[in-house]
Amino acid sequence: MRPSALALCTLAAVVALSACSTRGIAGLVTPYKIDIVQGNVVTREQAQVLKPGMTRSAVRDVLGSPLLTSVFHGNRWDYVFTFKRQGQEPQQRKVALFFKDDVLERFEADDLPSETEFVASLDTRRKFGKVPPLQATEEQLKTFQEKNAGAPSAPTPPTVEPGTTYPPLERSR
């Protein structure tokens, strides 16, 4: 038997036998799974704004519309948040608000992250290193102005003379 044929038979035997194992070759290759974000993010700072006596509209201004409202429990709003990412433990948090006469009576919440902690949990690309500065230096601003000195400015809106009339948009019937 030729060496290339022997190598091919050996490779075929290894592949065939690996199918018998629990992990096998298929265990080495995993499909891509997208991040799944569902619900309303409620942070510690938002929960600290909530006070008994707030109206429903004031609560909605702070937290947004609730994910769950029930016809059978009209005095309860539930905010649920889940985040699933491949290779990480799923995050799940719940906040329940209880109203009496359209006024917030009390609320119950899981341990909520701060806004900074929540954003840090989303960013998995930058594990180490310094956060880049968010301000331009005087030199960078000067360079930017020099580069854009010849750029066309935004067009000015046309002026309308007082007393100008326009034809109607639709014909009258």
N, C-alpha and C. Protein backbone atom coordinates (compact mmCIF):
# COMPACT_ATOMS: atom_id res chain seq x y z
N MET A 1 0.84 -1.18 0.00
CA MET A 1 0.00 0.00 0.00
C MET A 1 0.89 1.25 0.00
N ARG A 2 0.48 2.26 -0.72
CA ARG A 2 1.27 3.48 -0.82
C ARG A 2 1.10 4.30 0.45
N PRO A 3 2.11 5.11 0.79
CA PRO A 3 2.04 5.90 2.02
C PRO A 3 0.87 6.89 2.03
N SER A 4 0.52 7.47 0.88
CA SER A 4 -0.58 8.44 0.87
C SER A 4 -1.92 7.73 1.10
N ALA A 5 -2.07 6.54 0.55
CA ALA A 5 -3.30 5.79 0.77
C ALA A 5 -3.40 5.34 2.22
N LEU A 6 -2.26 4.97 2.80
CA LEU A 6 -2.25 4.55 4.21
C LEU A 6 -2.63 5.72 5.12
N ALA A 7 -2.11 6.89 4.81
CA ALA A 7 -2.43 8.09 5.60
C ALA A 7 -3.91 8.42 5.48
N LEU A 8 -4.46 8.27 4.27
CA LEU A 8 -5.87 8.57 4.05
C LEU A 8 -6.76 7.59 4.81
N CYS A 9 -6.39 6.31 4.81
CA CYS A 9 -7.17 5.31 5.55
C CYS A 9 -7.09 5.55 7.05
N THR A 10 -5.91 5.94 7.54
CA THR A 10 -5.74 6.22 8.96
C THR A 10 -6.60 7.42 9.37
N LEU A 11 -6.60 8.45 8.55
CA LEU A 11 -7.41 9.64 8.84
C LEU A 11 -8.90 9.28 8.85
N ALA A 12 -9.34 8.47 7.89
CA ALA A 12 -10.74 8.06 7.84
C ALA A 12 -11.12 7.24 9.07
N ALA A 13 -10.21 6.39 9.52
CA ALA A 13 -10.49 5.59 10.71
C ALA A 13 -10.59 6.46 11.96
N VAL A 14 -9.72 7.46 12.07
CA VAL A 14 -9.76 8.37 13.23
C VAL A 14 -11.06 9.15 13.25
N VAL A 15 -11.47 9.65 12.09
CA VAL A 15 -12.72 10.41 12.01
C VAL A 15 -13.91 9.52 12.35
N ALA A 16 -13.91 8.30 11.84
CA ALA A 16 -15.01 7.38 12.11
C ALA A 16 -15.07 7.01 13.58
N LEU A 17 -13.92 6.78 14.21
CA LEU A 17 -13.91 6.42 15.62
C LEU A 17 -14.23 7.61 16.52
N SER A 18 -13.92 8.82 16.06
CA SER A 18 -14.22 9.99 16.89
C SER A 18 -15.72 10.22 16.97
N ALA A 19 -16.47 9.72 16.01
CA ALA A 19 -17.93 9.85 16.05
C ALA A 19 -18.53 9.04 17.19
N CYS A 20 -17.78 8.03 17.65
CA CYS A 20 -18.27 7.20 18.74
C CYS A 20 -18.10 7.87 20.10
N SER A 21 -17.20 8.83 20.21
CA SER A 21 -16.98 9.49 21.50
C SER A 21 -18.08 10.51 21.74
N THR A 22 -18.21 10.95 22.99
CA THR A 22 -19.29 11.88 23.33
C THR A 22 -18.99 13.28 22.81
N ARG A 23 -17.74 13.69 22.80
CA ARG A 23 -17.41 15.03 22.30
C ARG A 23 -17.15 15.01 20.82
N GLY A 24 -16.22 14.19 20.40
CA GLY A 24 -15.91 14.04 18.99
C GLY A 24 -15.49 15.34 18.34
N ILE A 25 -15.43 15.31 17.04
CA ILE A 25 -15.04 16.49 16.28
C ILE A 25 -16.13 17.55 16.34
N ALA A 26 -17.37 17.12 16.39
CA ALA A 26 -18.48 18.08 16.45
C ALA A 26 -18.43 18.92 17.72
N GLY A 27 -17.83 18.38 18.78
CA GLY A 27 -17.71 19.14 20.02
C GLY A 27 -16.69 20.25 19.93
N LEU A 28 -15.78 20.15 18.98
CA LEU A 28 -14.76 21.18 18.81
C LEU A 28 -15.29 22.39 18.08
N VAL A 29 -16.28 22.19 17.23
CA VAL A 29 -16.85 23.27 16.44
C VAL A 29 -18.23 23.58 16.99
N THR A 30 -18.42 24.82 17.43
CA THR A 30 -19.72 25.21 17.96
C THR A 30 -20.29 26.33 17.10
N PRO A 31 -21.57 26.34 16.89
CA PRO A 31 -22.17 27.40 16.07
C PRO A 31 -22.19 28.72 16.84
N TYR A 32 -22.23 29.81 16.10
CA TYR A 32 -22.32 31.13 16.70
C TYR A 32 -23.73 31.33 17.24
N LYS A 33 -23.81 31.83 18.46
CA LYS A 33 -25.11 32.14 19.05
C LYS A 33 -25.15 33.63 19.34
N ILE A 34 -26.22 34.28 18.89
CA ILE A 34 -26.33 35.73 19.08
C ILE A 34 -26.66 36.05 20.52
N ASP A 35 -26.34 37.28 20.92
CA ASP A 35 -26.72 37.77 22.25
C ASP A 35 -28.22 38.01 22.25
N ILE A 36 -28.87 37.62 23.32
CA ILE A 36 -30.32 37.80 23.43
C ILE A 36 -30.59 38.75 24.59
N VAL A 37 -31.14 39.90 24.29
CA VAL A 37 -31.49 40.90 25.29
C VAL A 37 -33.00 41.06 25.25
N GLN A 38 -33.63 40.88 26.40
CA GLN A 38 -35.08 41.01 26.46
C GLN A 38 -35.46 41.83 27.68
N GLY A 39 -36.45 42.67 27.52
CA GLY A 39 -37.02 43.38 28.65
C GLY A 39 -36.46 44.77 28.86
N ASN A 40 -36.72 45.29 30.05
CA ASN A 40 -36.34 46.64 30.43
C ASN A 40 -35.14 46.58 31.38
N VAL A 41 -34.13 47.37 31.09
CA VAL A 41 -33.00 47.49 32.00
C VAL A 41 -33.39 48.49 33.07
N VAL A 42 -33.34 48.07 34.31
CA VAL A 42 -33.58 48.98 35.44
C VAL A 42 -32.30 48.98 36.26
N THR A 43 -31.72 50.15 36.44
CA THR A 43 -30.47 50.26 37.19
C THR A 43 -30.73 50.73 38.62
N ARG A 44 -29.70 50.64 39.43
CA ARG A 44 -29.79 51.06 40.83
C ARG A 44 -30.17 52.54 40.92
N GLU A 45 -29.60 53.36 40.02
CA GLU A 45 -29.90 54.80 40.05
C GLU A 45 -31.37 55.07 39.76
N GLN A 46 -31.94 54.32 38.84
CA GLN A 46 -33.37 54.49 38.53
C GLN A 46 -34.23 54.07 39.72
N ALA A 47 -33.88 52.97 40.36
CA ALA A 47 -34.66 52.50 41.51
C ALA A 47 -34.59 53.48 42.67
N GLN A 48 -33.47 54.19 42.81
CA GLN A 48 -33.34 55.16 43.90
C GLN A 48 -34.24 56.37 43.69
N VAL A 49 -34.65 56.63 42.45
CA VAL A 49 -35.54 57.75 42.16
C VAL A 49 -36.98 57.42 42.57
N LEU A 50 -37.33 56.13 42.56
CA LEU A 50 -38.70 55.73 42.89
C LEU A 50 -39.01 56.01 44.35
N LYS A 51 -40.14 56.65 44.58
CA LYS A 51 -40.60 56.97 45.93
C LYS A 51 -42.08 56.67 46.04
N PRO A 52 -42.54 56.12 47.16
CA PRO A 52 -43.97 55.94 47.34
C PRO A 52 -44.70 57.27 47.18
N GLY A 53 -45.84 57.22 46.51
CA GLY A 53 -46.60 58.44 46.25
C GLY A 53 -46.45 58.95 44.83
N MET A 54 -45.52 58.39 44.05
CA MET A 54 -45.35 58.80 42.65
C MET A 54 -46.53 58.30 41.83
N THR A 55 -46.92 59.08 40.85
CA THR A 55 -48.01 58.66 39.96
C THR A 55 -47.48 57.64 38.95
N ARG A 56 -48.41 56.95 38.30
CA ARG A 56 -48.01 55.97 37.28
C ARG A 56 -47.21 56.63 36.15
N SER A 57 -47.65 57.81 35.74
CA SER A 57 -46.94 58.49 34.65
C SER A 57 -45.53 58.91 35.08
N ALA A 58 -45.36 59.30 36.34
CA ALA A 58 -44.03 59.66 36.83
C ALA A 58 -43.13 58.43 36.86
N VAL A 59 -43.68 57.29 37.26
CA VAL A 59 -42.91 56.04 37.27
C VAL A 59 -42.54 55.65 35.84
N ARG A 60 -43.48 55.81 34.90
CA ARG A 60 -43.21 55.48 33.50
C ARG A 60 -42.12 56.39 32.94
N ASP A 61 -42.09 57.65 33.37
CA ASP A 61 -41.04 58.57 32.92
C ASP A 61 -39.66 58.10 33.39
N VAL A 62 -39.58 57.50 34.56
CA VAL A 62 -38.30 57.04 35.11
C VAL A 62 -37.88 55.69 34.53
N LEU A 63 -38.80 54.74 34.48
CA LEU A 63 -38.46 53.36 34.12
C LEU A 63 -38.86 52.96 32.70
N GLY A 64 -39.70 53.73 32.06
CA GLY A 64 -40.23 53.32 30.77
C GLY A 64 -41.48 52.48 30.97
N SER A 65 -42.04 52.02 29.88
CA SER A 65 -43.26 51.19 29.96
C SER A 65 -42.91 49.82 30.53
N PRO A 66 -43.77 49.27 31.36
CA PRO A 66 -43.48 47.95 31.94
C PRO A 66 -43.55 46.85 30.90
N LEU A 67 -42.75 45.81 31.11
CA LEU A 67 -42.77 44.68 30.20
C LEU A 67 -44.05 43.88 30.38
N LEU A 68 -44.50 43.74 31.63
CA LEU A 68 -45.69 42.94 31.91
C LEU A 68 -46.72 43.76 32.67
N THR A 69 -47.92 43.80 32.15
CA THR A 69 -49.06 44.33 32.88
C THR A 69 -50.16 43.29 32.73
N SER A 70 -50.91 43.08 33.78
CA SER A 70 -51.92 42.04 33.76
C SER A 70 -53.29 42.64 33.97
N VAL A 71 -54.25 42.12 33.25
CA VAL A 71 -55.64 42.55 33.43
C VAL A 71 -56.11 42.14 34.82
N PHE A 72 -55.62 41.01 35.29
CA PHE A 72 -56.05 40.48 36.58
C PHE A 72 -55.33 41.15 37.76
N HIS A 73 -54.18 41.76 37.50
CA HIS A 73 -53.43 42.46 38.54
C HIS A 73 -53.15 43.88 38.05
N GLY A 74 -54.17 44.68 37.93
CA GLY A 74 -54.07 46.03 37.39
C GLY A 74 -53.23 46.97 38.22
N ASN A 75 -53.00 46.63 39.48
CA ASN A 75 -52.23 47.49 40.37
C ASN A 75 -50.78 47.04 40.48
N ARG A 76 -50.33 46.22 39.53
CA ARG A 76 -48.95 45.72 39.57
C ARG A 76 -48.31 45.86 38.19
N TRP A 77 -47.10 46.39 38.18
CA TRP A 77 -46.28 46.43 36.97
C TRP A 77 -45.04 45.61 37.22
N ASP A 78 -44.62 44.84 36.22
CA ASP A 78 -43.41 44.04 36.33
C ASP A 78 -42.43 44.44 35.24
N TYR A 79 -41.21 44.72 35.66
CA TYR A 79 -40.11 45.00 34.75
C TYR A 79 -39.16 43.82 34.86
N VAL A 80 -38.96 43.12 33.75
CA VAL A 80 -38.11 41.93 33.72
C VAL A 80 -37.03 42.16 32.69
N PHE A 81 -35.81 41.77 33.03
CA PHE A 81 -34.68 41.92 32.11
C PHE A 81 -33.90 40.62 32.08
N THR A 82 -33.62 40.12 30.88
CA THR A 82 -32.75 38.95 30.72
C THR A 82 -31.73 39.25 29.63
N PHE A 83 -30.53 38.74 29.84
CA PHE A 83 -29.44 38.92 28.88
C PHE A 83 -28.66 37.62 28.81
N LYS A 84 -28.65 37.01 27.61
CA LYS A 84 -27.94 35.75 27.42
C LYS A 84 -26.85 35.95 26.37
N ARG A 85 -25.63 35.60 26.74
CA ARG A 85 -24.49 35.71 25.83
C ARG A 85 -23.71 34.41 25.88
N GLN A 86 -23.28 33.95 24.72
CA GLN A 86 -22.54 32.70 24.63
C GLN A 86 -21.28 32.77 25.49
N GLY A 87 -21.09 31.75 26.32
CA GLY A 87 -19.90 31.67 27.15
C GLY A 87 -20.00 32.41 28.47
N GLN A 88 -21.16 33.00 28.78
CA GLN A 88 -21.34 33.72 30.04
C GLN A 88 -22.61 33.25 30.72
N GLU A 89 -22.64 33.45 32.02
CA GLU A 89 -23.86 33.14 32.77
C GLU A 89 -24.95 34.13 32.38
N PRO A 90 -26.18 33.65 32.17
CA PRO A 90 -27.27 34.59 31.83
C PRO A 90 -27.56 35.54 33.00
N GLN A 91 -27.90 36.77 32.65
CA GLN A 91 -28.30 37.76 33.65
C GLN A 91 -29.82 37.82 33.65
N GLN A 92 -30.41 37.87 34.84
CA GLN A 92 -31.86 38.05 34.93
C GLN A 92 -32.17 38.86 36.17
N ARG A 93 -33.00 39.89 35.99
CA ARG A 93 -33.41 40.73 37.11
C ARG A 93 -34.89 41.05 36.98
N LYS A 94 -35.54 41.22 38.13
CA LYS A 94 -36.97 41.53 38.14
C LYS A 94 -37.22 42.69 39.10
N VAL A 95 -38.15 43.54 38.70
CA VAL A 95 -38.62 44.64 39.55
C VAL A 95 -40.14 44.62 39.47
N ALA A 96 -40.79 44.58 40.62
CA ALA A 96 -42.25 44.59 40.68
C ALA A 96 -42.69 45.86 41.41
N LEU A 97 -43.62 46.61 40.82
CA LEU A 97 -44.14 47.83 41.42
C LEU A 97 -45.61 47.61 41.74
N PHE A 98 -46.01 48.09 42.89
CA PHE A 98 -47.39 47.92 43.35
C PHE A 98 -48.01 49.30 43.55
N PHE A 99 -49.17 49.50 42.92
CA PHE A 99 -49.88 50.78 42.98
C PHE A 99 -51.16 50.63 43.78
N LYS A 100 -51.58 51.74 44.36
CA LYS A 100 -52.88 51.82 45.02
C LYS A 100 -53.47 53.16 44.62
N ASP A 101 -54.63 53.12 43.97
CA ASP A 101 -55.29 54.34 43.47
C ASP A 101 -54.37 55.12 42.53
N ASP A 102 -53.70 54.42 41.61
CA ASP A 102 -52.80 55.01 40.62
C ASP A 102 -51.61 55.75 41.22
N VAL A 103 -51.23 55.38 42.43
CA VAL A 103 -50.07 55.98 43.09
C VAL A 103 -49.17 54.83 43.56
N LEU A 104 -47.85 54.99 43.39
CA LEU A 104 -46.91 53.94 43.78
C LEU A 104 -46.97 53.74 45.29
N GLU A 105 -47.26 52.50 45.70
CA GLU A 105 -47.33 52.17 47.11
C GLU A 105 -45.99 51.60 47.59
N ARG A 106 -45.44 50.63 46.81
CA ARG A 106 -44.15 50.02 47.17
C ARG A 106 -43.60 49.31 45.94
N PHE A 107 -42.33 48.91 46.03
CA PHE A 107 -41.76 48.11 44.95
C PHE A 107 -40.77 47.11 45.53
N GLU A 108 -40.61 46.01 44.81
CA GLU A 108 -39.67 44.96 45.18
C GLU A 108 -38.73 44.75 44.01
N ALA A 109 -37.43 44.60 44.30
CA ALA A 109 -36.46 44.46 43.21
C ALA A 109 -35.34 43.51 43.60
N ASP A 110 -34.81 42.81 42.59
CA ASP A 110 -33.60 42.02 42.78
C ASP A 110 -32.44 42.99 43.01
N ASP A 111 -31.27 42.45 43.28
CA ASP A 111 -30.08 43.28 43.40
C ASP A 111 -29.79 43.88 42.04
N LEU A 112 -29.87 45.20 41.92
CA LEU A 112 -29.73 45.88 40.64
C LEU A 112 -28.31 46.43 40.48
N PRO A 113 -27.76 46.37 39.26
CA PRO A 113 -26.44 46.94 39.03
C PRO A 113 -26.53 48.45 38.83
N SER A 114 -25.42 49.14 39.05
CA SER A 114 -25.38 50.56 38.70
C SER A 114 -25.26 50.65 37.18
N GLU A 115 -25.42 51.84 36.63
CA GLU A 115 -25.31 52.00 35.18
C GLU A 115 -23.92 51.61 34.71
N THR A 116 -22.90 51.99 35.47
CA THR A 116 -21.52 51.67 35.10
C THR A 116 -21.28 50.17 35.12
N GLU A 117 -21.79 49.48 36.13
CA GLU A 117 -21.63 48.03 36.21
C GLU A 117 -22.36 47.34 35.06
N PHE A 118 -23.54 47.82 34.72
CA PHE A 118 -24.29 47.21 33.63
C PHE A 118 -23.56 47.37 32.30
N VAL A 119 -23.07 48.56 32.02
CA VAL A 119 -22.35 48.79 30.76
C VAL A 119 -21.08 47.95 30.71
N ALA A 120 -20.39 47.83 31.85
CA ALA A 120 -19.17 47.01 31.89
C ALA A 120 -19.49 45.54 31.63
N SER A 121 -20.66 45.07 32.05
CA SER A 121 -21.01 43.67 31.81
C SER A 121 -21.32 43.41 30.34
N LEU A 122 -21.65 44.44 29.58
CA LEU A 122 -21.94 44.27 28.16
C LEU A 122 -20.68 44.28 27.31
N ASP A 123 -19.67 45.02 27.72
CA ASP A 123 -18.46 45.19 26.93
C ASP A 123 -17.46 44.09 27.26
N THR A 124 -17.40 43.06 26.42
CA THR A 124 -16.47 41.96 26.67
C THR A 124 -15.21 42.07 25.83
N ARG A 125 -15.18 43.02 24.90
CA ARG A 125 -14.00 43.14 24.04
C ARG A 125 -12.82 43.72 24.78
N ARG A 126 -13.04 44.72 25.60
CA ARG A 126 -11.96 45.40 26.27
C ARG A 126 -11.82 44.85 27.69
N LYS A 127 -10.98 43.85 27.84
CA LYS A 127 -10.80 43.23 29.14
C LYS A 127 -9.85 44.06 30.01
N PHE A 128 -8.80 44.54 29.42
CA PHE A 128 -7.78 45.26 30.17
C PHE A 128 -7.49 46.58 29.47
N GLY A 129 -6.78 47.40 30.14
CA GLY A 129 -6.34 48.64 29.50
C GLY A 129 -7.09 49.84 30.02
N LYS A 130 -6.57 50.98 29.61
CA LYS A 130 -7.13 52.25 30.04
C LYS A 130 -8.32 52.64 29.17
N VAL A 131 -9.27 53.31 29.77
CA VAL A 131 -10.39 53.84 29.01
C VAL A 131 -9.88 55.06 28.26
N PRO A 132 -10.16 55.15 26.96
CA PRO A 132 -9.63 56.29 26.19
C PRO A 132 -10.26 57.59 26.67
N PRO A 133 -9.51 58.68 26.59
CA PRO A 133 -10.07 59.97 27.02
C PRO A 133 -11.20 60.39 26.09
N LEU A 134 -12.20 61.04 26.65
CA LEU A 134 -13.36 61.45 25.87
C LEU A 134 -13.34 62.94 25.55
N GLN A 135 -12.19 63.59 25.77
CA GLN A 135 -12.07 65.00 25.46
C GLN A 135 -10.91 65.20 24.51
N ALA A 136 -11.08 66.13 23.59
CA ALA A 136 -10.02 66.46 22.65
C ALA A 136 -9.11 67.50 23.28
N THR A 137 -7.82 67.39 22.98
CA THR A 137 -6.87 68.39 23.46
C THR A 137 -6.99 69.64 22.59
N GLU A 138 -6.38 70.73 23.03
CA GLU A 138 -6.42 71.97 22.26
C GLU A 138 -5.79 71.76 20.88
N GLU A 139 -4.71 70.99 20.84
CA GLU A 139 -4.04 70.72 19.57
C GLU A 139 -4.93 69.93 18.62
N GLN A 140 -5.66 68.94 19.15
CA GLN A 140 -6.56 68.15 18.32
C GLN A 140 -7.71 69.01 17.79
N LEU A 141 -8.23 69.90 18.60
CA LEU A 141 -9.30 70.80 18.16
C LEU A 141 -8.82 71.74 17.05
N LYS A 142 -7.60 72.26 17.22
CA LYS A 142 -7.03 73.16 16.22
C LYS A 142 -6.84 72.42 14.89
N THR A 143 -6.32 71.19 14.96
CA THR A 143 -6.13 70.38 13.75
C THR A 143 -7.47 70.11 13.07
N PHE A 144 -8.49 69.80 13.85
CA PHE A 144 -9.81 69.53 13.32
C PHE A 144 -10.37 70.77 12.61
N GLN A 145 -10.21 71.93 13.23
CA GLN A 145 -10.71 73.17 12.63
C GLN A 145 -9.98 73.48 11.33
N GLU A 146 -8.67 73.23 11.30
CA GLU A 146 -7.89 73.49 10.08
C GLU A 146 -8.33 72.56 8.95
N LYS A 147 -8.57 71.29 9.27
CA LYS A 147 -8.98 70.33 8.24
C LYS A 147 -10.35 70.68 7.67
N ASN A 148 -11.23 71.19 8.51
CA ASN A 148 -12.61 71.46 8.08
C ASN A 148 -12.86 72.92 7.73
N ALA A 149 -11.80 73.72 7.61
CA ALA A 149 -11.99 75.13 7.29
C ALA A 149 -12.59 75.31 5.90
N GLY A 150 -12.20 74.46 4.94
CA GLY A 150 -12.70 74.60 3.59
C GLY A 150 -13.95 73.80 3.31
N ALA A 151 -14.44 73.06 4.31
CA ALA A 151 -15.63 72.23 4.10
C ALA A 151 -16.86 73.12 3.98
N PRO A 152 -17.80 72.74 3.11
CA PRO A 152 -19.01 73.56 2.98
C PRO A 152 -19.83 73.52 4.28
N SER A 153 -20.38 74.65 4.61
CA SER A 153 -21.19 74.72 5.82
C SER A 153 -22.60 74.23 5.51
N ALA A 154 -23.39 74.04 6.54
CA ALA A 154 -24.76 73.56 6.37
C ALA A 154 -25.56 74.62 5.62
N PRO A 155 -26.41 74.20 4.70
CA PRO A 155 -27.19 75.18 3.94
C PRO A 155 -28.17 75.91 4.86
N THR A 156 -28.34 77.18 4.58
CA THR A 156 -29.29 77.97 5.38
C THR A 156 -30.68 77.76 4.81
N PRO A 157 -31.68 77.65 5.67
CA PRO A 157 -33.04 77.45 5.17
C PRO A 157 -33.52 78.71 4.43
N PRO A 158 -34.34 78.53 3.40
CA PRO A 158 -34.83 79.69 2.65
C PRO A 158 -35.73 80.54 3.53
N THR A 159 -35.67 81.83 3.29
CA THR A 159 -36.52 82.74 4.06
C THR A 159 -37.83 82.94 3.31
N VAL A 160 -38.89 83.12 4.05
CA VAL A 160 -40.22 83.32 3.47
C VAL A 160 -40.63 84.75 3.76
N GLU A 161 -41.00 85.44 2.70
CA GLU A 161 -41.45 86.82 2.85
C GLU A 161 -42.78 86.85 3.58
N PRO A 162 -42.97 87.81 4.48
CA PRO A 162 -44.27 87.90 5.16
C PRO A 162 -45.39 88.16 4.16
N GLY A 163 -46.51 87.51 4.38
CA GLY A 163 -47.67 87.68 3.51
C GLY A 163 -47.68 86.72 2.33
N THR A 164 -46.66 85.85 2.20
CA THR A 164 -46.62 84.90 1.10
C THR A 164 -47.65 83.81 1.35
N THR A 165 -48.40 83.47 0.32
CA THR A 165 -49.38 82.40 0.45
C THR A 165 -49.00 81.27 -0.50
N TYR A 166 -49.38 80.08 -0.13
CA TYR A 166 -49.09 78.90 -0.92
C TYR A 166 -50.39 78.22 -1.31
N PRO A 167 -50.40 77.53 -2.47
CA PRO A 167 -51.63 76.84 -2.86
C PRO A 167 -51.88 75.67 -1.90
N PRO A 168 -53.12 75.23 -1.75
CA PRO A 168 -53.41 74.11 -0.87
C PRO A 168 -52.74 72.83 -1.38
N LEU A 169 -52.41 71.94 -0.45
CA LEU A 169 -51.75 70.68 -0.81
C LEU A 169 -52.69 69.74 -1.52
N GLU A 170 -53.96 69.80 -1.21
CA GLU A 170 -54.95 68.93 -1.84
C GLU A 170 -55.99 69.77 -2.54
N ARG A 171 -56.51 69.21 -3.64
CA ARG A 171 -57.59 69.91 -4.33
C ARG A 171 -58.87 69.76 -3.54
N SER A 172 -59.62 70.80 -3.45
CA SER A 172 -60.92 70.68 -2.79
C SER A 172 -61.91 70.12 -3.78
N ARG A 173 -62.83 69.35 -3.31
CA ARG A 173 -63.79 68.67 -4.19
C ARG A 173 -65.08 69.36 -4.25
